[in-house]
Protein backbone atom coordinates (compact mmCIF):
# COMPACT_ATOMS: atom_id res chain seq x y z
CA MET A 1 44.73 9.75 -48.19
CA THR A 2 43.09 10.06 -44.78
CA HIS A 3 41.96 13.52 -44.00
CA GLN A 4 45.19 13.41 -41.42
CA ASP A 5 47.51 12.84 -44.06
CA SER A 6 45.78 15.40 -46.44
CA GLN A 7 46.30 17.86 -43.50
CA GLU A 8 50.18 17.24 -43.38
CA ALA A 9 50.34 17.46 -46.80
CA THR A 10 48.64 20.88 -46.81
CA ASP A 11 50.87 22.30 -43.56
CA ASP A 12 53.92 21.25 -45.58
CA ASP A 13 53.05 23.05 -48.53
CA ARG A 14 52.56 25.97 -46.65
CA GLY A 15 55.99 25.38 -44.51
CA SER A 16 57.69 25.06 -48.06
CA TRP A 17 56.07 28.81 -49.10
CA LEU A 18 57.12 30.52 -46.18
CA ARG A 19 60.46 29.13 -46.07
CA LEU A 20 60.48 30.15 -49.76
CA GLN A 21 59.54 33.63 -49.14
CA PRO A 22 63.39 35.40 -47.48
CA VAL A 23 65.41 33.40 -50.15
CA ALA A 24 63.03 34.96 -53.16
CA PHE A 25 63.34 38.62 -51.54
CA VAL A 26 67.33 37.74 -51.48
CA ALA A 27 66.73 36.64 -54.80
CA ALA A 28 65.25 39.63 -56.33
CA LEU A 29 67.50 42.08 -54.69
CA GLN A 30 70.74 40.38 -55.90
CA PHE A 31 68.99 40.12 -59.30
CA LEU A 32 68.14 43.50 -59.72
CA THR A 33 70.86 45.22 -57.99
CA LEU A 34 74.49 45.36 -57.24
CA VAL A 35 74.76 44.30 -53.32
CA PRO A 36 77.41 41.31 -52.31
CA PRO A 37 75.51 38.39 -52.94
CA LEU A 38 74.07 37.11 -49.47
CA ILE A 39 73.56 33.84 -50.95
CA ARG A 40 76.44 32.29 -52.83
CA ARG A 41 74.56 29.85 -55.15
CA MET A 42 72.29 29.50 -57.81
CA PHE A 43 68.92 29.88 -57.55
CA THR A 44 66.29 27.39 -58.43
CA SER A 45 63.97 28.40 -61.01
CA ARG A 46 61.11 27.89 -58.49
CA GLU A 47 63.11 30.48 -56.52
CA MET A 48 63.75 33.10 -58.99
CA GLY A 49 59.60 32.91 -59.83
CA ALA A 50 58.88 33.91 -56.73
CA ALA A 51 61.98 36.59 -56.90
CA VAL A 52 59.29 38.39 -58.74
CA GLY A 53 56.97 39.01 -56.42
CA TYR A 54 59.63 40.91 -54.88
CA PHE A 55 60.12 43.04 -56.89
CA PRO A 56 58.74 45.88 -56.13
CA ALA A 57 60.75 45.39 -52.54
CA ALA A 58 63.58 45.28 -54.55
CA GLY A 59 62.85 48.49 -56.16
CA LEU A 60 61.89 50.12 -52.32
CA VAL A 61 65.57 49.21 -51.22
CA ILE A 62 67.22 51.24 -54.40
CA GLY A 63 64.36 54.12 -53.43
CA LEU A 64 65.37 54.62 -50.17
CA ALA A 65 69.34 54.29 -50.76
CA LEU A 66 68.70 56.94 -53.20
CA ALA A 67 66.63 58.51 -50.95
CA ALA A 68 69.24 58.97 -48.47
CA LEU A 69 71.76 59.67 -50.46
CA ASN A 70 69.92 62.90 -51.81
CA TRP A 71 69.40 63.74 -48.08
CA GLY A 72 73.39 63.67 -47.72
CA LEU A 73 74.09 64.81 -51.02
CA GLY A 74 72.10 68.01 -50.07
CA MET A 75 73.89 69.27 -47.88
CA LEU A 76 76.63 69.94 -49.72
CA PHE A 77 75.48 70.18 -53.34
CA PRO A 78 73.25 72.43 -55.14
CA GLY A 79 69.97 70.99 -56.48
CA SER A 80 70.69 70.37 -60.31
CA ILE A 81 74.00 68.82 -59.29
CA VAL A 82 72.51 66.52 -56.53
CA ALA A 83 70.20 65.29 -59.42
CA GLY A 84 73.27 64.51 -61.76
CA LEU A 85 74.81 62.87 -58.59
CA LEU A 86 71.39 60.74 -58.00
CA LEU A 87 71.15 59.61 -61.34
CA VAL A 88 74.72 58.41 -61.69
CA SER A 89 74.22 56.68 -58.55
CA TRP A 90 70.93 55.11 -59.32
CA LEU A 91 72.50 53.08 -62.84
CA ILE A 92 76.01 52.13 -60.64
CA ILE A 93 73.13 51.01 -57.64
CA THR A 94 71.84 48.33 -60.76
CA GLY A 95 75.10 48.04 -62.58
CA ALA A 96 72.73 49.99 -65.93
CA LEU A 97 71.20 46.66 -65.98
CA HIS A 98 67.70 48.26 -67.51
CA LEU A 99 69.44 50.70 -69.22
CA ASP A 100 71.39 48.33 -71.00
CA GLY A 101 67.99 46.57 -71.94
CA PHE A 102 66.77 49.84 -72.54
CA LEU A 103 68.99 50.29 -75.08
CA ASP A 104 69.13 46.92 -76.98
CA SER A 105 65.09 47.87 -76.92
CA CYS A 106 65.61 50.87 -78.69
CA ASP A 107 67.61 49.08 -81.87
CA GLY A 108 65.44 46.18 -82.39
CA LEU A 109 62.30 47.84 -82.12
CA LEU A 110 63.12 50.36 -83.94
CA GLY A 111 65.62 50.00 -86.02
CA GLY A 112 64.43 46.53 -87.74
CA PHE A 113 62.14 45.81 -90.39
CA THR A 114 60.87 41.88 -89.42
CA PRO A 115 60.05 40.37 -86.10
CA GLU A 116 63.06 38.02 -86.72
CA SER A 117 65.44 40.46 -87.67
CA ARG A 118 64.41 42.67 -84.80
CA MET A 119 65.36 39.98 -82.16
CA ARG A 120 68.34 39.59 -83.56
CA ILE A 121 69.51 43.06 -83.31
CA MET A 122 68.24 43.20 -79.99
CA ARG A 123 70.91 40.30 -78.64
CA ASP A 124 73.44 42.28 -80.63
CA GLU A 125 76.30 43.84 -78.33
CA SER A 126 76.76 47.16 -80.42
CA VAL A 127 75.06 50.14 -79.71
CA GLY A 128 73.37 51.45 -82.96
CA SER A 129 71.76 55.21 -83.41
CA PHE A 130 68.34 54.32 -82.00
CA ALA A 131 69.68 53.39 -78.73
CA LEU A 132 72.13 56.62 -78.50
CA ALA A 133 69.20 58.41 -78.98
CA GLY A 134 66.35 57.08 -76.55
CA GLY A 135 69.44 56.71 -74.18
CA VAL A 136 70.22 60.42 -74.04
CA MET A 137 66.64 61.21 -74.18
CA LEU A 138 65.92 59.01 -71.46
CA LEU A 139 68.91 60.33 -68.97
CA LEU A 140 67.87 63.45 -69.46
CA LEU A 141 64.68 63.46 -69.19
CA LYS A 142 65.23 61.99 -66.01
CA TYR A 143 68.02 63.92 -64.75
CA ALA A 144 65.42 67.20 -65.98
CA ALA A 145 62.73 65.62 -63.35
CA LEU A 146 64.83 65.26 -60.38
CA ALA A 147 66.35 68.47 -60.46
CA ALA A 148 62.64 70.13 -61.13
CA LEU A 149 61.43 67.62 -58.14
CA VAL A 150 60.74 69.71 -54.48
CA GLN A 151 60.02 66.40 -52.57
CA ARG A 152 62.78 64.20 -54.58
CA GLY A 153 63.45 61.43 -51.41
CA PRO A 154 60.17 60.82 -51.95
CA ALA A 155 59.81 60.37 -55.29
CA LEU A 156 62.84 58.42 -55.82
CA VAL A 157 61.20 55.79 -53.25
CA VAL A 158 58.25 55.74 -55.68
CA ALA A 159 59.53 55.79 -58.91
CA ALA A 160 62.06 52.86 -57.93
CA MET A 161 59.85 50.72 -56.53
CA LEU A 162 57.09 51.21 -59.34
CA GLY A 163 60.00 50.70 -61.90
CA ARG A 164 59.91 46.63 -60.88
CA TRP A 165 56.30 46.31 -60.06
CA GLY A 166 56.08 47.84 -63.75
CA MET A 167 58.31 44.46 -64.06
CA ALA A 168 56.53 41.60 -62.79
CA LEU A 169 53.08 42.95 -64.14
CA SER A 170 55.09 42.38 -67.26
CA VAL A 171 56.70 38.76 -67.03
CA LYS A 172 53.29 37.41 -65.96
CA GLY A 173 50.96 39.43 -68.32
CA PHE A 174 52.42 39.13 -71.44
CA PRO A 175 53.88 36.21 -73.43
CA TYR A 176 57.84 35.44 -74.29
CA ALA A 177 59.37 35.25 -77.03
CA ARG A 178 61.94 33.52 -76.37
CA LEU A 179 62.83 29.87 -75.96
CA GLU A 180 65.49 30.41 -73.26
CA GLY A 181 67.37 32.55 -70.82
CA VAL A 182 66.49 34.16 -67.42
CA GLY A 183 63.37 36.03 -68.98
CA ARG A 184 62.09 32.59 -70.15
CA THR A 185 62.92 30.86 -66.16
CA LEU A 186 60.85 34.19 -64.55
CA LYS A 187 58.07 33.69 -66.83
CA ASP A 188 57.54 30.17 -66.59
CA ASN A 189 57.60 30.09 -62.68
CA VAL A 190 56.02 32.81 -61.99
CA GLY A 191 52.05 32.70 -60.39
CA TRP A 192 49.56 35.25 -59.87
CA ARG A 193 50.10 34.43 -56.30
CA GLN A 194 53.37 36.51 -56.87
CA ILE A 195 51.47 39.37 -58.85
CA VAL A 196 49.42 39.89 -56.06
CA LEU A 197 52.27 40.08 -53.35
CA ALA A 198 54.21 42.62 -55.70
CA THR A 199 50.90 44.54 -56.32
CA GLY A 200 49.89 44.72 -52.64
CA ILE A 201 53.59 45.37 -51.63
CA ALA A 202 53.63 48.65 -54.35
CA LEU A 203 50.24 49.54 -53.29
CA LEU A 204 51.27 50.14 -49.35
CA ALA A 205 54.23 51.52 -50.13
CA ALA A 206 53.04 53.96 -52.89
CA LEU A 207 50.09 55.32 -50.30
CA LEU A 208 52.69 55.72 -47.32
CA VAL A 209 55.04 57.18 -49.41
CA VAL A 210 53.04 59.77 -50.75
CA GLY A 211 49.66 59.12 -50.05
CA TRP A 212 46.72 60.16 -52.27
CA LYS A 213 49.38 60.46 -55.08
CA GLY A 214 50.36 57.04 -54.65
CA ILE A 215 47.05 55.61 -56.65
CA ILE A 216 47.28 58.13 -59.88
CA LEU A 217 50.94 56.77 -59.66
CA LEU A 218 49.61 53.04 -60.04
CA VAL A 219 47.62 53.06 -62.32
CA LEU A 220 49.65 55.33 -64.52
CA ALA A 221 52.69 52.61 -64.07
CA GLY A 222 50.23 49.71 -64.90
CA LEU A 223 48.87 52.00 -68.29
CA ALA A 224 52.25 52.62 -69.47
CA VAL A 225 53.30 48.52 -68.57
CA TRP A 226 50.20 47.77 -71.22
CA ALA A 227 51.06 50.32 -73.70
CA ILE A 228 55.03 48.88 -73.98
CA ALA A 229 53.39 45.63 -73.82
CA ARG A 230 51.04 46.06 -76.61
CA PHE A 231 53.50 48.49 -78.72
CA THR A 232 56.83 45.97 -78.39
CA MET A 233 54.00 42.82 -79.24
CA HIS A 234 53.12 44.69 -82.84
CA LYS A 235 56.71 44.46 -83.50
CA ILE A 236 58.14 40.96 -81.76
CA PRO A 237 55.79 38.02 -80.64
CA GLY A 238 56.12 38.65 -77.00
CA LEU A 239 58.43 40.21 -74.49
CA THR A 240 62.02 39.80 -73.93
CA GLY A 241 63.97 40.64 -70.96
CA ASP A 242 65.26 43.87 -73.05
CA ILE A 243 61.80 44.64 -72.70
CA TYR A 244 61.41 44.11 -69.06
CA GLY A 245 64.60 46.39 -68.39
CA ALA A 246 63.17 49.07 -70.55
CA THR A 247 59.19 48.90 -69.28
CA CYS A 248 61.47 49.42 -65.25
CA GLU A 249 63.14 52.54 -67.11
CA LEU A 250 60.20 54.26 -68.83
CA VAL A 251 57.93 53.64 -66.01
CA GLU A 252 60.38 55.22 -63.29
CA LEU A 253 60.63 57.73 -65.77
CA ILE A 254 56.66 58.64 -66.08
CA VAL A 255 56.45 58.66 -62.47
CA LEU A 256 59.41 61.09 -62.21
CA LEU A 257 57.22 63.06 -64.82
CA ALA A 258 53.76 62.52 -62.81
CA LEU A 259 55.30 63.77 -59.34
CA VAL A 260 56.99 66.91 -61.26
CA ALA A 261 53.63 67.64 -63.30
CA LEU A 262 51.47 67.30 -59.70
CA GLU A 263 53.35 69.28 -57.62
CA ARG A 264 53.15 72.04 -59.94
CA GLY A 265 49.81 71.30 -60.15
CA VAL A 266 48.74 71.23 -56.38
CA GLY A 267 51.62 73.88 -56.06
């Protein structure tokens, strides 16, 4: 291959990568929310892998929508009612996708006695006692945090965004337990380039929205991802799509609670 041929191949690869990015962003948005489909076809494995880099961007869209809703509802209702309506809206926007993963994870990781039984329980559609208790506690704590926050709008943006950044870290950073499924497709097609992109988006957005607190929140989110993954891998051979959802929910909660603590500390 001549130098010219090599340069043309490099340019083609670069052009292909650039053309992939808008599709990857749309794929992330359609995968993580209930927005009307902008691309009405199945996404390729490569597109789904590239979408992981835009998970925080999809979270940013979710957070901005919730922040706008918070502003509008705040003109009509007191803070406690606004917090409840925001929590309901949060579930609707995401189709309760991540909450479902959290519930299945509670039942599977806490209710089984062997790795095989835990993974089998996580596939079961029924809701057990651990899922019920875990879901109630998660939603109560989220509601309490939202009701307590003074700067609720920025908190919604950062929590939704870092929750999905945590998912991106989980996909790339830890083994996947199953041989097939959407999570397997993400795992097999994501590279470090997508994680660098996701981290850049998360860091920049966090700094712009909450300033220096964004660094603290990013570190806390990263530690939470590591702790959740390590706990999971003591129970089953690797992570699953349900664990990705549980990670998102727990990181969101940790960010909200941390912001409540920071508001009280600064105050």
